Amino acid sequence: MRLDKYLKVSRLVKRRTVAKELCDAGQVWVNGHLAKAATEVEVGDRIELHTPRGPVTVEVTAVREHVPAVEADSLYRRL
């Protein structure tokens, strides 16, 4: 799954366009590498995200296309 879509589905970012803007601004890393919005995300990847609310680091535990909001945090583990 694309990084921008994963960030939106997991509710780490509210909108996919915001996720793309963060990637374009160099605020997102996957496995220690600067990531583009189109970067493919897989289980076990580590995502570092620098948002206006502060830095967030998570490990991807699942990748699913559709997730109810109450289950969104089951897609990752905060580090």
PDB file of N, CA and C in Angstrom:
ATOM      1  N   MET A   1       0.845  -1.172   0.000  1.00  0.00           N
ATOM      2  CA  MET A   1       0.000   0.000   0.000  1.00  0.00           C
ATOM      3  C   MET A   1       0.897   1.244   0.000  1.00  0.00           C
ATOM      4  N   ARG A   2       0.465   2.252  -0.695  1.00  0.00           N
ATOM      5  CA  ARG A   2       1.212   3.517  -0.734  1.00  0.00           C
ATOM      6  C   ARG A   2       1.260   4.143   0.658  1.00  0.00           C
ATOM      7  N   LEU A   3       2.361   4.803   0.948  1.00  0.00           N
ATOM      8  CA  LEU A   3       2.565   5.440   2.242  1.00  0.00           C
ATOM      9  C   LEU A   3       1.479   6.454   2.552  1.00  0.00           C
ATOM     10  N   ASP A   4       1.147   7.332   1.606  1.00  0.00           N
ATOM     11  CA  ASP A   4       0.140   8.359   1.887  1.00  0.00           C
ATOM     12  C   ASP A   4      -1.215   7.740   2.218  1.00  0.00           C
ATOM     13  N   LYS A   5      -1.578   6.665   1.533  1.00  0.00           N
ATOM     14  CA  LYS A   5      -2.841   5.997   1.825  1.00  0.00           C
ATOM     15  C   LYS A   5      -2.782   5.304   3.188  1.00  0.00           C
ATOM     16  N   TYR A   6      -1.661   4.658   3.501  1.00  0.00           N
ATOM     17  CA  TYR A   6      -1.522   3.993   4.794  1.00  0.00           C
ATOM     18  C   TYR A   6      -1.659   4.992   5.940  1.00  0.00           C
ATOM     19  N   LEU A   7      -1.022   6.153   5.819  1.00  0.00           N
ATOM     20  CA  LEU A   7      -1.102   7.162   6.869  1.00  0.00           C
ATOM     21  C   LEU A   7      -2.541   7.617   7.085  1.00  0.00           C
ATOM     22  N   LYS A   8      -3.310   7.701   6.023  1.00  0.00           N
ATOM     23  CA  LYS A   8      -4.711   8.103   6.130  1.00  0.00           C
ATOM     24  C   LYS A   8      -5.559   6.982   6.715  1.00  0.00           C
ATOM     25  N   VAL A   9      -5.417   5.747   6.206  1.00  0.00           N
ATOM     26  CA  VAL A   9      -6.215   4.613   6.675  1.00  0.00           C
ATOM     27  C   VAL A   9      -5.943   4.342   8.155  1.00  0.00           C
ATOM     28  N   SER A  10      -4.684   4.492   8.573  1.00  0.00           N
ATOM     29  CA  SER A  10      -4.316   4.234   9.972  1.00  0.00           C
ATOM     30  C   SER A  10      -4.675   5.397  10.893  1.00  0.00           C
ATOM     31  N   ARG A  11      -5.146   6.487  10.313  1.00  0.00           N
ATOM     32  CA  ARG A  11      -5.534   7.694  11.046  1.00  0.00           C
ATOM     33  C   ARG A  11      -4.342   8.391  11.710  1.00  0.00           C
ATOM     34  N   LEU A  12      -3.132   8.104  11.247  1.00  0.00           N
ATOM     35  CA  LEU A  12      -1.973   8.859  11.734  1.00  0.00           C
ATOM     36  C   LEU A  12      -2.012  10.281  11.184  1.00  0.00           C
ATOM     37  N   VAL A  13      -2.647  10.432  10.012  1.00  0.00           N
ATOM     38  CA  VAL A  13      -2.859  11.732   9.384  1.00  0.00           C
ATOM     39  C   VAL A  13      -4.325  11.759   8.948  1.00  0.00           C
ATOM     40  N   LYS A  14      -4.975  12.907   9.080  1.00  0.00           N
ATOM     41  CA  LYS A  14      -6.413  12.983   8.812  1.00  0.00           C
ATOM     42  C   LYS A  14      -6.784  12.833   7.343  1.00  0.00           C
ATOM     43  N   ARG A  15      -5.962  13.393   6.444  1.00  0.00           N
ATOM     44  CA  ARG A  15      -6.290  13.340   5.025  1.00  0.00           C
ATOM     45  C   ARG A  15      -5.081  12.894   4.215  1.00  0.00           C
ATOM     46  N   ARG A  16      -5.358  12.221   3.112  1.00  0.00           N
ATOM     47  CA  ARG A  16      -4.281  11.735   2.248  1.00  0.00           C
ATOM     48  C   ARG A  16      -3.490  12.898   1.647  1.00  0.00           C
ATOM     49  N   THR A  17      -4.161  14.000   1.359  1.00  0.00           N
ATOM     50  CA  THR A  17      -3.443  15.148   0.801  1.00  0.00           C
ATOM     51  C   THR A  17      -2.454  15.716   1.813  1.00  0.00           C
ATOM     52  N   VAL A  18      -2.820  15.685   3.091  1.00  0.00           N
ATOM     53  CA  VAL A  18      -1.907  16.153   4.147  1.00  0.00           C
ATOM     54  C   VAL A  18      -0.710  15.211   4.229  1.00  0.00           C
ATOM     55  N   ALA A  19      -0.960  13.913   4.122  1.00  0.00           N
ATOM     56  CA  ALA A  19       0.132  12.931   4.139  1.00  0.00           C
ATOM     57  C   ALA A  19       1.091  13.191   2.976  1.00  0.00           C
ATOM     58  N   LYS A  20       0.551  13.471   1.796  1.00  0.00           N
ATOM     59  CA  LYS A  20       1.400  13.761   0.635  1.00  0.00           C
ATOM     60  C   LYS A  20       2.208  15.037   0.859  1.00  0.00           C
ATOM     61  N   GLU A  21       1.592  16.043   1.428  1.00  0.00           N
ATOM     62  CA  GLU A  21       2.301  17.297   1.706  1.00  0.00           C
ATOM     63  C   GLU A  21       3.441  17.073   2.695  1.00  0.00           C
ATOM     64  N   LEU A  22       3.223  16.256   3.726  1.00  0.00           N
ATOM     65  CA  LEU A  22       4.295  15.949   4.685  1.00  0.00           C
ATOM     66  C   LEU A  22       5.445  15.228   3.993  1.00  0.00           C
ATOM     67  N   CYS A  23       5.124  14.292   3.116  1.00  0.00           N
ATOM     68  CA  CYS A  23       6.164  13.575   2.365  1.00  0.00           C
ATOM     69  C   CYS A  23       6.935  14.540   1.465  1.00  0.00           C
ATOM     70  N   ASP A  24       6.220  15.388   0.750  1.00  0.00           N
ATOM     71  CA  ASP A  24       6.859  16.362  -0.146  1.00  0.00           C
ATOM     72  C   ASP A  24       7.751  17.330   0.617  1.00  0.00           C
ATOM     73  N   ALA A  25       7.415  17.598   1.882  1.00  0.00           N
ATOM     74  CA  ALA A  25       8.188  18.530   2.706  1.00  0.00           C
ATOM     75  C   ALA A  25       9.362  17.840   3.412  1.00  0.00           C
ATOM     76  N   GLY A  26       9.538  16.542   3.167  1.00  0.00           N
ATOM     77  CA  GLY A  26      10.655  15.818   3.785  1.00  0.00           C
ATOM     78  C   GLY A  26      10.447  15.519   5.254  1.00  0.00           C
ATOM     79  N   GLN A  27       9.204  15.320   5.659  1.00  0.00           N
ATOM     80  CA  GLN A  27       8.879  15.091   7.066  1.00  0.00           C
ATOM     81  C   GLN A  27       8.557  13.636   7.401  1.00  0.00           C
ATOM     82  N   VAL A  28       8.733  12.723   6.417  1.00  0.00           N
ATOM     83  CA  VAL A  28       8.389  11.323   6.639  1.00  0.00           C
ATOM     84  C   VAL A  28       9.547  10.434   6.196  1.00  0.00           C
ATOM     85  N   TRP A  29       9.920   9.485   7.076  1.00  0.00           N
ATOM     86  CA  TRP A  29      10.964   8.514   6.772  1.00  0.00           C
ATOM     87  C   TRP A  29      10.394   7.116   6.943  1.00  0.00           C
ATOM     88  N   VAL A  30      10.805   6.197   6.085  1.00  0.00           N
ATOM     89  CA  VAL A  30      10.438   4.786   6.216  1.00  0.00           C
ATOM     90  C   VAL A  30      11.745   3.997   6.292  1.00  0.00           C
ATOM     91  N   ASN A  31      11.905   3.269   7.373  1.00  0.00           N
ATOM     92  CA  ASN A  31      13.107   2.473   7.613  1.00  0.00           C
ATOM     93  C   ASN A  31      14.387   3.302   7.490  1.00  0.00           C
ATOM     94  N   GLY A  32      14.321   4.532   7.990  1.00  0.00           N
ATOM     95  CA  GLY A  32      15.492   5.396   8.016  1.00  0.00           C
ATOM     96  C   GLY A  32      15.789   6.142   6.730  1.00  0.00           C
ATOM     97  N   HIS A  33      14.927   5.994   5.718  1.00  0.00           N
ATOM     98  CA  HIS A  33      15.121   6.676   4.441  1.00  0.00           C
ATOM     99  C   HIS A  33      14.001   7.677   4.211  1.00  0.00           C
ATOM    100  N   LEU A  34      14.351   8.851   3.703  1.00  0.00           N
ATOM    101  CA  LEU A  34      13.354   9.847   3.348  1.00  0.00           C
ATOM    102  C   LEU A  34      12.372   9.214   2.378  1.00  0.00           C
ATOM    103  N   ALA A  35      11.078   9.374   2.632  1.00  0.00           N
ATOM    104  CA  ALA A  35      10.067   8.669   1.849  1.00  0.00           C
ATOM    105  C   ALA A  35       9.204   9.614   1.028  1.00  0.00           C
ATOM    106  N   LYS A  36       8.822   9.125  -0.143  1.00  0.00           N
ATOM    107  CA  LYS A  36       7.859   9.819  -0.986  1.00  0.00           C
ATOM    108  C   LYS A  36       6.477   9.243  -0.703  1.00  0.00           C
ATOM    109  N   ALA A  37       5.446   9.949  -1.130  1.00  0.00           N
ATOM    110  CA  ALA A  37       4.073   9.506  -0.903  1.00  0.00           C
ATOM    111  C   ALA A  37       3.808   8.141  -1.542  1.00  0.00           C
ATOM    112  N   ALA A  38       4.489   7.831  -2.631  1.00  0.00           N
ATOM    113  CA  ALA A  38       4.263   6.576  -3.351  1.00  0.00           C
ATOM    114  C   ALA A  38       5.064   5.404  -2.797  1.00  0.00           C
ATOM    115  N   THR A  39       5.873   5.626  -1.764  1.00  0.00           N
ATOM    116  CA  THR A  39       6.649   4.540  -1.168  1.00  0.00           C
ATOM    117  C   THR A  39       5.709   3.443  -0.693  1.00  0.00           C
ATOM    118  N   GLU A  40       6.031   2.202  -1.030  1.00  0.00           N
ATOM    119  CA  GLU A  40       5.207   1.065  -0.609  1.00  0.00           C
ATOM    120  C   GLU A  40       5.509   0.719   0.849  1.00  0.00           C
ATOM    121  N   VAL A  41       4.456   0.525   1.623  1.00  0.00           N
ATOM    122  CA  VAL A  41       4.568   0.190   3.047  1.00  0.00           C
ATOM    123  C   VAL A  41       4.198  -1.272   3.242  1.00  0.00           C
ATOM    124  N   GLU A  42       5.001  -1.986   4.030  1.00  0.00           N
ATOM    125  CA  GLU A  42       4.758  -3.389   4.324  1.00  0.00           C
ATOM    126  C   GLU A  42       4.823  -3.618   5.832  1.00  0.00           C
ATOM    127  N   VAL A  43       4.287  -4.738   6.272  1.00  0.00           N
ATOM    128  CA  VAL A  43       4.341  -5.102   7.690  1.00  0.00           C
ATOM    129  C   VAL A  43       5.810  -5.168   8.116  1.00  0.00           C
ATOM    130  N   GLY A  44       6.102  -4.580   9.272  1.00  0.00           N
ATOM    131  CA  GLY A  44       7.461  -4.558   9.803  1.00  0.00           C
ATOM    132  C   GLY A  44       8.213  -3.273   9.516  1.00  0.00           C
ATOM    133  N   ASP A  45       7.704  -2.450   8.600  1.00  0.00           N
ATOM    134  CA  ASP A  45       8.357  -1.168   8.305  1.00  0.00           C
ATOM    135  C   ASP A  45       8.233  -0.226   9.486  1.00  0.00           C
ATOM    136  N   ARG A  46       9.240   0.618   9.654  1.00  0.00           N
ATOM    137  CA  ARG A  46       9.229   1.652  10.694  1.00  0.00           C
ATOM    138  C   ARG A  46       9.010   2.999  10.009  1.00  0.00           C
ATOM    139  N   ILE A  47       7.986   3.716  10.466  1.00  0.00           N
ATOM    140  CA  ILE A  47       7.646   5.023   9.897  1.00  0.00           C
ATOM    141  C   ILE A  47       7.924   6.094  10.944  1.00  0.00           C
ATOM    142  N   GLU A  48       8.698   7.100  10.551  1.00  0.00           N
ATOM    143  CA  GLU A  48       8.948   8.271  11.398  1.00  0.00           C
ATOM    144  C   GLU A  48       8.261   9.452  10.732  1.00  0.00           C
ATOM    145  N   LEU A  49       7.413  10.103  11.492  1.00  0.00           N
ATOM    146  CA  LEU A  49       6.576  11.163  10.969  1.00  0.00           C
ATOM    147  C   LEU A  49       6.752  12.403  11.834  1.00  0.00           C
ATOM    148  N   HIS A  50       7.087  13.534  11.200  1.00  0.00           N
ATOM    149  CA  HIS A  50       7.242  14.787  11.935  1.00  0.00           C
ATOM    150  C   HIS A  50       6.079  15.700  11.574  1.00  0.00           C
ATOM    151  N   THR A  51       5.128  15.789  12.500  1.00  0.00           N
ATOM    152  CA  THR A  51       3.920  16.587  12.283  1.00  0.00           C
ATOM    153  C   THR A  51       3.984  17.849  13.146  1.00  0.00           C
ATOM    154  N   PRO A  52       3.093  18.790  12.907  1.00  0.00           N
ATOM    155  CA  PRO A  52       3.044  19.980  13.759  1.00  0.00           C
ATOM    156  C   PRO A  52       2.774  19.627  15.228  1.00  0.00           C
ATOM    157  N   ARG A  53       2.132  18.471  15.475  1.00  0.00           N
ATOM    158  CA  ARG A  53       1.861  18.030  16.850  1.00  0.00           C
ATOM    159  C   ARG A  53       3.078  17.376  17.496  1.00  0.00           C
ATOM    160  N   GLY A  54       4.125  17.153  16.729  1.00  0.00           N
ATOM    161  CA  GLY A  54       5.330  16.539  17.254  1.00  0.00           C
ATOM    162  C   GLY A  54       5.691  15.270  16.498  1.00  0.00           C
ATOM    163  N   PRO A  55       6.864  14.709  16.801  1.00  0.00           N
ATOM    164  CA  PRO A  55       7.309  13.502  16.087  1.00  0.00           C
ATOM    165  C   PRO A  55       6.573  12.253  16.562  1.00  0.00           C
ATOM    166  N   VAL A  56       6.354  11.335  15.618  1.00  0.00           N
ATOM    167  CA  VAL A  56       5.697  10.061  15.900  1.00  0.00           C
ATOM    168  C   VAL A  56       6.497   8.970  15.187  1.00  0.00           C
ATOM    169  N   THR A  57       6.803   7.888  15.913  1.00  0.00           N
ATOM    170  CA  THR A  57       7.468   6.739  15.308  1.00  0.00           C
ATOM    171  C   THR A  57       6.613   5.514  15.564  1.00  0.00           C
ATOM    172  N   VAL A  58       6.308   4.781  14.482  1.00  0.00           N
ATOM    173  CA  VAL A  58       5.470   3.586  14.596  1.00  0.00           C
ATOM    174  C   VAL A  58       6.074   2.448  13.785  1.00  0.00           C
ATOM    175  N   GLU A  59       5.685   1.231  14.163  1.00  0.00           N
ATOM    176  CA  GLU A  59       6.023   0.050  13.375  1.00  0.00           C
ATOM    177  C   GLU A  59       4.726  -0.473  12.778  1.00  0.00           C
ATOM    178  N   VAL A  60       4.736  -0.753  11.487  1.00  0.00           N
ATOM    179  CA  VAL A  60       3.554  -1.250  10.793  1.00  0.00           C
ATOM    180  C   VAL A  60       3.301  -2.698  11.221  1.00  0.00           C
ATOM    181  N   THR A  61       2.108  -2.978  11.750  1.00  0.00           N
ATOM    182  CA  THR A  61       1.760  -4.334  12.172  1.00  0.00           C
ATOM    183  C   THR A  61       0.749  -4.992  11.243  1.00  0.00           C
ATOM    184  N   ALA A  62       0.056  -4.194  10.433  1.00  0.00           N
ATOM    185  CA  ALA A  62      -0.911  -4.727   9.469  1.00  0.00           C
ATOM    186  C   ALA A  62      -1.143  -3.694   8.376  1.00  0.00           C
ATOM    187  N   VAL A  63      -1.491  -4.182   7.201  1.00  0.00           N
ATOM    188  CA  VAL A  63      -1.817  -3.307   6.078  1.00  0.00           C
ATOM    189  C   VAL A  63      -3.163  -3.774   5.542  1.00  0.00           C
ATOM    190  N   ARG A  64      -4.177  -2.913   5.685  1.00  0.00           N
ATOM    191  CA  ARG A  64      -5.526  -3.232   5.197  1.00  0.00           C
ATOM    192  C   ARG A  64      -6.103  -1.999   4.515  1.00  0.00           C
ATOM    193  N   GLU A  65      -6.924  -2.248   3.503  1.00  0.00           N
ATOM    194  CA  GLU A  65      -7.498  -1.156   2.711  1.00  0.00           C
ATOM    195  C   GLU A  65      -8.532  -0.334   3.476  1.00  0.00           C
ATOM    196  N   HIS A  66      -9.383  -1.005   4.237  1.00  0.00           N
ATOM    197  CA  HIS A  66     -10.465  -0.314   4.940  1.00  0.00           C
ATOM    198  C   HIS A  66     -10.489  -0.771   6.394  1.00  0.00           C
ATOM    199  N   VAL A  67     -10.504   0.198   7.293  1.00  0.00           N
ATOM    200  CA  VAL A  67     -10.491  -0.106   8.718  1.00  0.00           C
ATOM    201  C   VAL A  67     -11.428   0.879   9.419  1.00  0.00           C
ATOM    202  N   PRO A  68     -12.338   0.383  10.270  1.00  0.00           N
ATOM    203  CA  PRO A  68     -13.165   1.311  11.055  1.00  0.00           C
ATOM    204  C   PRO A  68     -12.267   2.172  11.956  1.00  0.00           C
ATOM    205  N   ALA A  69     -12.697   3.369  12.230  1.00  0.00           N
ATOM    206  CA  ALA A  69     -11.896   4.300  13.025  1.00  0.00           C
ATOM    207  C   ALA A  69     -11.483   3.714  14.369  1.00  0.00           C
ATOM    208  N   VAL A  70     -12.343   2.943  14.996  1.00  0.00           N
ATOM    209  CA  VAL A  70     -12.029   2.386  16.316  1.00  0.00           C
ATOM    210  C   VAL A  70     -10.938   1.323  16.250  1.00  0.00           C
ATOM    211  N   GLU A  71     -10.678   0.776  15.064  1.00  0.00           N
ATOM    212  CA  GLU A  71      -9.652  -0.252  14.902  1.00  0.00           C
ATOM    213  C   GLU A  71      -8.387   0.266  14.217  1.00  0.00           C
ATOM    214  N   ALA A  72      -8.339   1.545  13.896  1.00  0.00           N
ATOM    215  CA  ALA A  72      -7.216   2.106  13.140  1.00  0.00           C
ATOM    216  C   ALA A  72      -5.881   1.895  13.841  1.00  0.00           C
ATOM    217  N   ASP A  73      -5.855   1.989  15.167  1.00  0.00           N
ATOM    218  CA  ASP A  73      -4.584   1.840  15.874  1.00  0.00           C
ATOM    219  C   ASP A  73      -4.087   0.388  15.910  1.00  0.00           C
ATOM    220  N   SER A  74      -4.874  -0.547  15.383  1.00  0.00           N
ATOM    221  CA  SER A  74      -4.414  -1.942  15.295  1.00  0.00           C
ATOM    222  C   SER A  74      -3.474  -2.140  14.109  1.00  0.00           C
ATOM    223  N   LEU A  75      -3.332  -1.119  13.258  1.00  0.00           N
ATOM    224  CA  LEU A  75      -2.455  -1.215  12.094  1.00  0.00           C
ATOM    225  C   LEU A  75      -1.000  -0.894  12.418  1.00  0.00           C
ATOM    226  N   TYR A  76      -0.734  -0.369  13.602  1.00  0.00           N
ATOM    227  CA  TYR A  76       0.626   0.019  13.960  1.00  0.00           C
ATOM    228  C   TYR A  76       0.866  -0.111  15.458  1.00  0.00           C
ATOM    229  N   ARG A  77       2.147  -0.083  15.801  1.00  0.00           N
ATOM    230  CA  ARG A  77       2.559  -0.088  17.206  1.00  0.00           C
ATOM    231  C   ARG A  77       3.476   1.116  17.404  1.00  0.00           C
ATOM    232  N   ARG A  78       3.125   1.975  18.363  1.00  0.00           N
ATOM    233  CA  ARG A  78       3.971   3.158  18.652  1.00  0.00           C
ATOM    234  C   ARG A  78       5.277   2.741  19.281  1.00  0.00           C
ATOM    235  N   LEU A  79       6.349   3.378  18.846  1.00  0.00           N
ATOM    236  CA  LEU A  79       7.681   3.078  19.395  1.00  0.00           C
ATOM    237  C   LEU A  79       8.180   4.250  20.202  1.00  0.00           C
TER     238      LEU A  79
END
